[in-house]
């Protein structure tokens, strides 16, 4: 018995001294590539790269994801890769590192997604200062229902974020304003977009978001690159080839792919990539923008990801002075007594921009926050909006972004 005991002790000692196999850390970058292959294969490949187990949606099995997807992310962060695969597959793909799972869910079966609170007290205080200076006076004695219900600055900001960040092609954040905080629940990549929006709105010198900057870079590269000659290829394959010509990742939204038939197209190679891609998409009533650093092809009318914030504080001062110079004595026919406050402050400028951008079919949307304008749209629309603002007297910051 003593010999057995010592043998066991020695075995335990040796075992304790042996190096323990460590789990390989999750890669910092992954590459999802599926050019018409199955959604199932793309999901399983991503799960394998991340060392995770696939958690299928309730009521689904692996066989339900045999439909084709088109996506090529290039090397990107796991959360962004999951987001782009979500867009391609039409399902939420969520990296649950703690649970060791790559979770898939349908819109009506969303799992417990990350929740995060955002302190917006500084932004709220700036909005309050703007309203106190330029806010349109409330109508005295207005009947109930004639004026909109009061909202706090945080509630206005919550509504703006909803409008700017909402997408039809992927899961959105569930946003709520409580006090001077926003509470968001949703995928990690969408939280990153909200944080970017809050950061740019609060910046002393705001500018474009990353998607708008990336779109401008890609557009310049496309215009400088001759389109390849393509013969008898599907629309999806042609899009993939044109993006590959400028080393750009891409994703086709699930509803786009289901709407494309098997008709084949050709590209004659006589134009640049930008013109060839635009012509191809217009034929199919599609559009492109940037999501997760990649070209996203969506149906016409989908909310675009690019936007730019313009600080109009100095412009508002100029306009207010100009309106005051035109004031006449009260009660005069053809007289003028209104101030910038009477004209609803920043909305005075926003209404003019909206009209001009619609007239020129720029497809850009104008939003306001305090004394700032947020223009959401493609590169051409953002550039046109800047031109109009400059002609009104707006001056770009010294270090324009």
Protein backbone atom coordinates (compact mmCIF):
# COMPACT_ATOMS: atom_id res chain seq x y z
CA UNK A 1 0.00 0.00 0.00
CA UNK A 2 2.86 2.35 0.82
CA UNK A 3 4.44 1.76 -2.60
CA UNK A 4 1.12 2.46 -4.30
CA UNK A 5 0.70 5.65 -2.31
CA UNK A 6 4.12 6.89 -3.26
CA UNK A 7 3.54 5.99 -6.90
CA UNK A 8 0.33 7.97 -6.89
CA UNK A 9 2.08 10.93 -5.25
CA UNK A 10 4.85 10.85 -7.82
CA UNK A 11 2.36 10.63 -10.67
CA UNK A 12 0.46 13.62 -9.29
CA UNK A 13 3.68 15.58 -8.87
CA UNK A 14 4.82 14.88 -12.41
CA UNK A 15 1.38 15.74 -13.74
CA UNK A 16 1.40 19.03 -11.85
CA UNK A 17 4.76 19.98 -13.31
CA UNK A 18 3.76 19.37 -16.94
CA UNK A 19 2.83 22.46 -18.98
CA UNK A 20 -0.91 22.91 -19.34
CA UNK A 21 -2.21 23.36 -22.86
CA UNK A 22 -3.57 26.88 -23.25
CA UNK A 23 -6.50 27.74 -25.49
CA UNK A 24 -5.42 29.74 -28.52
CA UNK A 25 -6.54 33.36 -28.20
CA UNK A 26 -9.21 34.55 -30.59
CA UNK A 27 -7.67 36.22 -33.66
CA UNK A 28 -7.69 40.01 -33.73
CA UNK A 29 -8.64 39.97 -37.41
CA UNK A 30 -10.71 37.55 -39.48
CA UNK A 31 -11.68 37.33 -43.14
CA UNK A 32 -15.14 36.19 -44.22
CA UNK A 33 -15.33 35.34 -47.90
CA UNK A 34 -18.32 33.73 -49.58
CA UNK A 35 -18.81 34.37 -53.29
CA UNK A 36 -22.15 32.69 -53.85
CA UNK A 37 -21.48 29.84 -51.45
CA UNK A 38 -23.89 28.97 -48.65
CA UNK A 39 -24.63 31.10 -45.62
CA UNK A 40 -24.10 27.97 -43.54
CA UNK A 41 -20.55 27.57 -44.83
CA UNK A 42 -19.72 31.22 -44.12
CA UNK A 43 -21.11 31.00 -40.59
CA UNK A 44 -19.29 27.78 -39.79
CA UNK A 45 -16.03 29.12 -41.22
CA UNK A 46 -16.23 32.28 -39.07
CA UNK A 47 -17.04 30.21 -36.00
CA UNK A 48 -14.04 27.97 -36.67
CA UNK A 49 -11.70 30.95 -37.10
CA UNK A 50 -12.90 32.40 -33.78
CA UNK A 51 -12.85 29.09 -31.93
CA UNK A 52 -16.58 29.30 -31.22
CA UNK A 53 -19.55 26.95 -31.49
CA UNK A 54 -22.47 27.94 -33.71
CA UNK A 55 -25.74 28.53 -31.88
CA UNK A 56 -28.49 28.23 -34.49
CA UNK A 57 -31.72 30.27 -34.28
CA UNK A 58 -34.72 28.68 -32.61
CA UNK A 59 -36.54 26.51 -35.11
CA UNK A 60 -33.57 26.56 -37.49
CA UNK A 61 -31.03 23.93 -38.37
CA UNK A 62 -27.83 24.13 -40.38
CA UNK A 63 -29.77 22.98 -43.43
CA UNK A 64 -31.94 26.10 -43.37
CA UNK A 65 -28.90 28.25 -44.26
CA UNK A 66 -28.04 26.63 -47.57
CA UNK A 67 -28.96 29.75 -49.56
CA UNK A 68 -26.12 31.70 -51.24
CA UNK A 69 -24.48 34.80 -49.81
CA UNK A 70 -22.02 37.28 -51.30
CA UNK A 71 -19.57 38.85 -48.89
CA UNK A 72 -15.83 39.47 -48.72
CA UNK A 73 -14.71 41.39 -45.66
CA UNK A 74 -10.94 41.38 -45.95
CA UNK A 75 -9.09 41.36 -42.65
CA UNK A 76 -11.38 42.99 -40.11
CA UNK A 77 -12.36 42.82 -36.44
CA UNK A 78 -14.61 39.89 -35.44
CA UNK A 79 -17.52 42.18 -34.49
CA UNK A 80 -17.42 43.86 -37.91
CA UNK A 81 -17.10 40.52 -39.69
CA UNK A 82 -20.16 39.28 -37.81
CA UNK A 83 -22.03 42.45 -38.73
CA UNK A 84 -21.26 42.10 -42.44
CA UNK A 85 -22.26 38.45 -42.37
CA UNK A 86 -25.51 39.52 -40.68
CA UNK A 87 -26.21 41.85 -43.62
CA UNK A 88 -25.45 39.12 -46.16
CA UNK A 89 -27.39 36.34 -44.42
CA UNK A 90 -30.38 38.36 -43.22
CA UNK A 91 -29.90 37.04 -39.69
CA UNK A 92 -28.24 38.48 -36.62
CA UNK A 93 -24.74 37.04 -36.24
CA UNK A 94 -23.36 37.86 -32.80
CA UNK A 95 -19.96 37.01 -31.34
CA UNK A 96 -20.50 35.81 -27.76
CA UNK A 97 -16.92 35.35 -26.61
CA UNK A 98 -17.78 34.74 -22.97
CA UNK A 99 -20.27 32.03 -23.87
CA UNK A 100 -17.99 30.53 -26.51
CA UNK A 101 -20.71 30.85 -29.15
CA UNK A 102 -21.32 32.44 -32.51
CA UNK A 103 -25.01 33.20 -32.05
CA UNK A 104 -27.52 33.45 -34.87
CA UNK A 105 -31.01 34.87 -34.39
CA UNK A 106 -33.97 36.10 -36.39
CA UNK A 107 -35.33 39.64 -35.79
CA UNK A 108 -38.10 38.28 -33.55
CA UNK A 109 -35.75 36.07 -31.54
CA UNK A 110 -32.93 38.44 -30.63
CA UNK A 111 -30.74 37.18 -27.79
CA UNK A 112 -29.52 39.19 -24.83
CA UNK A 113 -27.31 41.67 -26.64
CA UNK A 114 -24.78 44.05 -25.08
CA UNK A 115 -26.31 46.95 -23.11
CA UNK A 116 -24.41 50.17 -22.64
CA UNK A 117 -25.17 53.52 -21.03
CA UNK A 118 -23.93 56.82 -22.45
CA UNK A 119 -23.45 60.03 -20.48
CA UNK A 120 -24.76 62.83 -22.72
CA UNK A 121 -24.80 65.60 -20.11
CA UNK A 122 -22.30 67.77 -22.03
CA UNK A 123 -24.21 67.46 -25.30
CA UNK A 124 -27.47 68.10 -23.47
CA UNK A 125 -26.14 71.28 -21.86
CA UNK A 126 -25.02 72.59 -25.26
CA UNK A 127 -28.47 71.93 -26.68
CA UNK A 128 -30.08 73.78 -23.77
CA UNK A 129 -27.77 76.78 -24.35
CA UNK A 130 -28.70 76.80 -28.05
CA UNK A 131 -32.45 76.64 -27.33
CA UNK A 132 -32.20 79.45 -24.81
CA UNK A 133 -30.47 81.62 -27.41
CA UNK A 134 -32.27 80.72 -30.64
CA UNK A 135 -35.25 78.56 -29.70
CA UNK A 136 -38.50 79.67 -31.29
CA UNK A 137 -40.92 81.15 -28.72
CA UNK A 138 -43.80 78.87 -27.73
CA UNK A 139 -47.23 80.02 -28.83
CA UNK A 140 -49.00 81.80 -25.99
CA UNK A 141 -52.41 80.38 -25.19
CA UNK A 142 -52.09 77.53 -27.71
CA UNK A 143 -54.78 74.90 -27.29
CA UNK A 144 -53.85 71.42 -26.11
CA UNK A 145 -52.64 69.34 -29.03
CA UNK A 146 -51.49 72.31 -31.11
CA UNK A 147 -47.95 72.19 -29.77
CA UNK A 148 -45.78 69.07 -29.60
CA UNK A 149 -45.11 67.59 -26.17
CA UNK A 150 -41.99 68.81 -24.43
CA UNK A 151 -38.87 66.66 -24.73
CA UNK A 152 -35.62 66.85 -22.84
CA UNK A 153 -32.35 67.44 -24.68
CA UNK A 154 -31.44 63.77 -24.15
CA UNK A 155 -34.76 62.69 -25.66
CA UNK A 156 -34.15 64.87 -28.73
CA UNK A 157 -30.68 63.35 -29.02
CA UNK A 158 -32.13 59.85 -28.75
CA UNK A 159 -34.48 60.60 -31.64
CA UNK A 160 -31.65 62.00 -33.74
CA UNK A 161 -29.50 58.90 -33.13
CA UNK A 162 -32.41 56.66 -34.11
CA UNK A 163 -32.89 58.55 -37.37
CA UNK A 164 -29.20 58.62 -38.29
CA UNK A 165 -28.26 55.05 -37.35
CA UNK A 166 -31.36 53.11 -38.38
CA UNK A 167 -30.83 50.46 -41.08
CA UNK A 168 -33.37 48.18 -42.75
CA UNK A 169 -30.74 45.57 -43.59
CA UNK A 170 -29.46 44.76 -40.09
CA UNK A 171 -30.40 44.75 -36.40
CA UNK A 172 -30.64 48.22 -34.87
CA UNK A 173 -29.96 49.54 -31.39
CA UNK A 174 -32.88 49.82 -29.01
CA UNK A 175 -32.30 53.33 -27.64
CA UNK A 176 -33.86 55.05 -24.63
CA UNK A 177 -33.24 58.39 -22.91
CA UNK A 178 -33.36 58.52 -19.11
CA UNK A 179 -32.24 61.71 -17.38
CA UNK A 180 -29.03 62.80 -19.07
CA UNK A 181 -28.08 59.30 -20.18
CA UNK A 182 -28.87 57.16 -23.20
CA UNK A 183 -29.29 53.41 -22.80
CA UNK A 184 -28.60 51.32 -25.88
CA UNK A 185 -29.09 47.59 -26.40
CA UNK A 186 -27.81 45.92 -29.56
CA UNK A 187 -24.83 44.45 -31.44
CA UNK A 188 -21.34 45.68 -30.56
CA UNK A 189 -20.73 47.21 -34.00
CA UNK A 190 -23.86 49.36 -33.69
CA UNK A 191 -22.73 50.57 -30.25
CA UNK A 192 -19.48 51.68 -31.89
CA UNK A 193 -21.49 53.72 -34.42
CA UNK A 194 -23.48 55.42 -31.67
CA UNK A 195 -20.30 56.29 -29.78
CA UNK A 196 -18.83 57.75 -32.97
CA UNK A 197 -21.95 59.88 -33.48
CA UNK A 198 -21.81 61.24 -29.93
CA UNK A 199 -18.07 61.93 -30.21
CA UNK A 200 -18.40 63.85 -33.49
CA UNK A 201 -21.39 65.86 -32.26
CA UNK A 202 -19.38 66.87 -29.17
CA UNK A 203 -16.13 67.67 -31.01
CA UNK A 204 -14.94 71.27 -31.18
CA UNK A 205 -14.32 70.75 -34.89
CA UNK A 206 -16.78 68.09 -36.10
CA UNK A 207 -16.60 66.47 -39.50
CA UNK A 208 -17.34 63.23 -41.33
CA UNK A 209 -17.83 59.81 -39.81
CA UNK A 210 -15.54 56.92 -40.76
CA UNK A 211 -18.03 55.54 -43.30
CA UNK A 212 -18.16 58.85 -45.21
CA UNK A 213 -14.36 59.15 -45.21
CA UNK A 214 -13.98 55.56 -46.41
CA UNK A 215 -16.56 56.12 -49.15
CA UNK A 216 -14.66 59.17 -50.41
CA UNK A 217 -11.43 57.15 -50.44
CA UNK A 218 -13.04 54.27 -52.33
CA UNK A 219 -14.73 56.60 -54.81
CA UNK A 220 -11.40 58.28 -55.59
CA UNK A 221 -9.76 54.87 -56.08
CA UNK A 222 -12.62 53.70 -58.32
CA UNK A 223 -12.40 56.80 -60.49
CA UNK A 224 -8.65 56.28 -60.90
CA UNK A 225 -8.98 52.58 -61.83
CA UNK A 226 -10.05 51.27 -65.25
CA UNK A 227 -12.91 48.79 -65.06
CA UNK A 228 -12.03 45.20 -65.94
CA UNK A 229 -13.57 43.57 -68.99
CA UNK A 230 -16.29 41.15 -67.87
CA UNK A 231 -18.28 38.90 -70.16
CA UNK A 232 -21.39 36.86 -69.40
CA UNK A 233 -21.30 37.08 -65.58
CA UNK A 234 -24.05 37.46 -63.00
CA UNK A 235 -24.72 40.86 -61.46
CA UNK A 236 -23.38 39.65 -58.12
CA UNK A 237 -20.20 38.34 -59.72
CA UNK A 238 -19.72 41.61 -61.62
CA UNK A 239 -20.05 43.62 -58.39
CA UNK A 240 -17.49 41.36 -56.72
CA UNK A 241 -15.03 41.83 -59.60
CA UNK A 242 -15.40 45.61 -59.65
CA UNK A 243 -14.80 45.83 -55.90
CA UNK A 244 -11.82 43.49 -56.17
CA UNK A 245 -10.32 45.84 -58.78
CA UNK A 246 -9.82 48.45 -56.04
CA UNK A 247 -9.07 45.92 -53.28
CA UNK A 248 -12.34 46.70 -51.52
CA UNK A 249 -14.35 44.30 -49.42
CA UNK A 250 -18.07 44.16 -50.14
CA UNK A 251 -21.38 42.70 -49.02
CA UNK A 252 -24.67 42.24 -50.82
CA UNK A 253 -27.73 42.67 -48.60
CA UNK A 254 -29.87 39.55 -48.34
CA UNK A 255 -32.94 41.20 -49.87
CA UNK A 256 -30.84 42.41 -52.81
CA UNK A 257 -29.65 38.93 -53.69
CA UNK A 258 -33.14 37.46 -53.45
CA UNK A 259 -34.32 40.16 -55.89
CA UNK A 260 -31.66 39.50 -58.54
CA UNK A 261 -32.44 37.02 -61.27
CA UNK A 262 -29.92 34.80 -63.04
CA UNK A 263 -29.53 37.20 -65.96
CA UNK A 264 -25.94 37.73 -67.04
CA UNK A 265 -24.30 41.07 -67.76
CA UNK A 266 -21.12 42.37 -69.34
CA UNK A 267 -18.71 45.22 -68.58
CA UNK A 268 -16.87 46.56 -71.64
CA UNK A 269 -13.92 47.98 -69.69
CA UNK A 270 -14.15 51.39 -71.40
CA UNK A 271 -14.94 53.32 -68.23
CA UNK A 272 -13.53 53.54 -64.73
CA UNK A 273 -14.70 51.30 -61.90
CA UNK A 274 -16.90 54.02 -60.36
CA UNK A 275 -18.90 54.56 -63.57
CA UNK A 276 -19.15 50.84 -64.30
CA UNK A 277 -20.39 50.05 -60.79
CA UNK A 278 -22.87 52.93 -60.79
CA UNK A 279 -24.27 51.92 -64.18
CA UNK A 280 -24.60 48.30 -63.11
CA UNK A 281 -26.40 49.21 -59.89
CA UNK A 282 -28.77 51.68 -61.53
CA UNK A 283 -29.95 48.97 -63.93
CA UNK A 284 -30.99 46.85 -60.93
CA UNK A 285 -32.29 49.79 -58.81
CA UNK A 286 -29.52 49.35 -56.26
CA UNK A 287 -27.14 51.71 -54.46
CA UNK A 288 -23.86 51.41 -52.62
CA UNK A 289 -22.35 52.94 -49.51
CA UNK A 290 -19.89 51.81 -46.84
CA UNK A 291 -20.52 49.61 -43.81
CA UNK A 292 -17.72 48.18 -41.71
CA UNK A 293 -15.09 49.57 -44.13
CA UNK A 294 -16.61 47.59 -47.00
CA UNK A 295 -18.86 48.40 -49.94
CA UNK A 296 -22.45 47.56 -49.04
CA UNK A 297 -24.89 47.06 -51.93
CA UNK A 298 -28.49 47.70 -50.89
CA UNK A 299 -31.84 48.49 -52.45
CA UNK A 300 -32.50 52.08 -53.47
CA UNK A 301 -33.84 54.07 -50.54
CA UNK A 302 -31.93 52.22 -47.80
CA UNK A 303 -30.48 54.57 -45.20
CA UNK A 304 -26.89 55.36 -46.14
CA UNK A 305 -24.17 55.16 -43.51
CA UNK A 306 -22.12 58.26 -44.33
CA UNK A 307 -22.75 61.61 -42.67
CA UNK A 308 -21.06 64.87 -41.77
CA UNK A 309 -21.63 67.36 -38.96
CA UNK A 310 -21.24 71.11 -39.59
CA UNK A 311 -20.80 73.52 -36.68
CA UNK A 312 -22.91 76.56 -37.61
CA UNK A 313 -22.49 78.68 -34.46
CA UNK A 314 -20.62 81.46 -36.27
CA UNK A 315 -22.94 81.29 -39.28
CA UNK A 316 -25.99 81.71 -37.03
CA UNK A 317 -24.46 84.83 -35.49
CA UNK A 318 -23.90 86.31 -38.97
CA UNK A 319 -27.44 85.49 -40.06
CA UNK A 320 -28.91 86.93 -36.86
CA UNK A 321 -27.02 90.20 -37.36
CA UNK A 322 -28.11 90.31 -40.99
CA UNK A 323 -31.77 89.86 -40.07
CA UNK A 324 -31.53 92.53 -37.36
CA UNK A 325 -30.07 94.99 -39.89
CA UNK A 326 -33.20 94.50 -41.99
CA UNK A 327 -35.64 95.19 -39.18
CA UNK A 328 -38.08 98.07 -39.66
CA UNK A 329 -40.32 99.89 -37.24
CA UNK A 330 -43.24 97.69 -36.11
CA UNK A 331 -46.52 97.83 -38.00
CA UNK A 332 -45.08 98.89 -41.34
CA UNK A 333 -46.44 97.46 -44.59
CA UNK A 334 -43.69 95.36 -46.22
CA UNK A 335 -41.85 95.73 -42.93
CA UNK A 336 -39.76 93.13 -41.16
CA UNK A 337 -39.33 92.64 -37.41
CA UNK A 338 -38.46 88.95 -37.13
CA UNK A 339 -35.17 87.70 -35.68
CA UNK A 340 -33.34 84.42 -36.18
CA UNK A 341 -35.13 83.11 -33.10
CA UNK A 342 -38.49 83.87 -34.73
CA UNK A 343 -37.32 81.89 -37.76
CA UNK A 344 -36.54 78.81 -35.64
CA UNK A 345 -32.76 79.20 -35.44
CA UNK A 346 -30.84 76.44 -37.20
CA UNK A 347 -34.00 75.25 -38.95
CA UNK A 348 -33.88 78.50 -40.96
CA UNK A 349 -30.71 77.18 -42.61
CA UNK A 350 -31.79 73.52 -42.65
CA UNK A 351 -34.97 74.27 -44.59
CA UNK A 352 -33.01 76.04 -47.34
CA UNK A 353 -30.53 73.15 -47.57
CA UNK A 354 -33.32 70.57 -47.73
CA UNK A 355 -34.97 72.39 -50.61
CA UNK A 356 -31.73 72.76 -52.57
CA UNK A 357 -30.62 69.16 -52.06
CA UNK A 358 -34.03 67.89 -53.18
CA UNK A 359 -34.00 70.14 -56.24
CA UNK A 360 -30.63 68.73 -57.28
CA UNK A 361 -31.61 65.12 -56.49
CA UNK A 362 -28.70 64.67 -54.08
CA UNK A 363 -30.54 62.15 -51.90
CA UNK A 364 -29.15 63.72 -48.73
CA UNK A 365 -31.06 64.11 -45.46
CA UNK A 366 -30.63 67.19 -43.24
CA UNK A 367 -30.90 66.83 -39.46
CA UNK A 368 -30.23 69.40 -36.74
CA UNK A 369 -28.78 69.28 -33.24
CA UNK A 370 -28.39 72.51 -31.34
CA UNK A 371 -26.44 74.89 -33.55
CA UNK A 372 -25.14 72.07 -35.73
CA UNK A 373 -26.28 70.45 -38.96
CA UNK A 374 -25.91 66.75 -39.64
CA UNK A 375 -26.11 65.84 -43.32
CA UNK A 376 -26.53 62.14 -44.09
CA UNK A 377 -25.86 61.02 -47.62
CA UNK A 378 -23.40 59.93 -50.28
CA UNK A 379 -20.16 61.81 -51.01
CA UNK A 380 -21.75 63.96 -53.73
CA UNK A 381 -24.55 65.09 -51.42
CA UNK A 382 -22.16 65.96 -48.59
CA UNK A 383 -19.94 67.93 -50.95
CA UNK A 384 -22.90 69.82 -52.38
CA UNK A 385 -24.20 70.68 -48.91
CA UNK A 386 -20.78 72.09 -48.01
CA UNK A 387 -20.80 74.24 -51.14
CA UNK A 388 -24.22 75.68 -50.29
CA UNK A 389 -23.17 76.42 -46.71
CA UNK A 390 -20.01 78.19 -47.83
CA UNK A 391 -22.06 80.41 -50.12
CA UNK A 392 -24.26 81.30 -47.14
CA UNK A 393 -21.21 82.40 -45.17
CA UNK A 394 -20.21 79.24 -43.33
CA UNK A 395 -16.45 78.83 -42.90
CA UNK A 396 -14.78 75.45 -42.45
CA UNK A 397 -12.63 74.88 -39.37
CA UNK A 398 -8.91 75.51 -39.73
CA UNK A 399 -8.22 71.77 -39.55
CA UNK A 400 -11.17 70.56 -41.66
CA UNK A 401 -11.95 66.87 -41.18
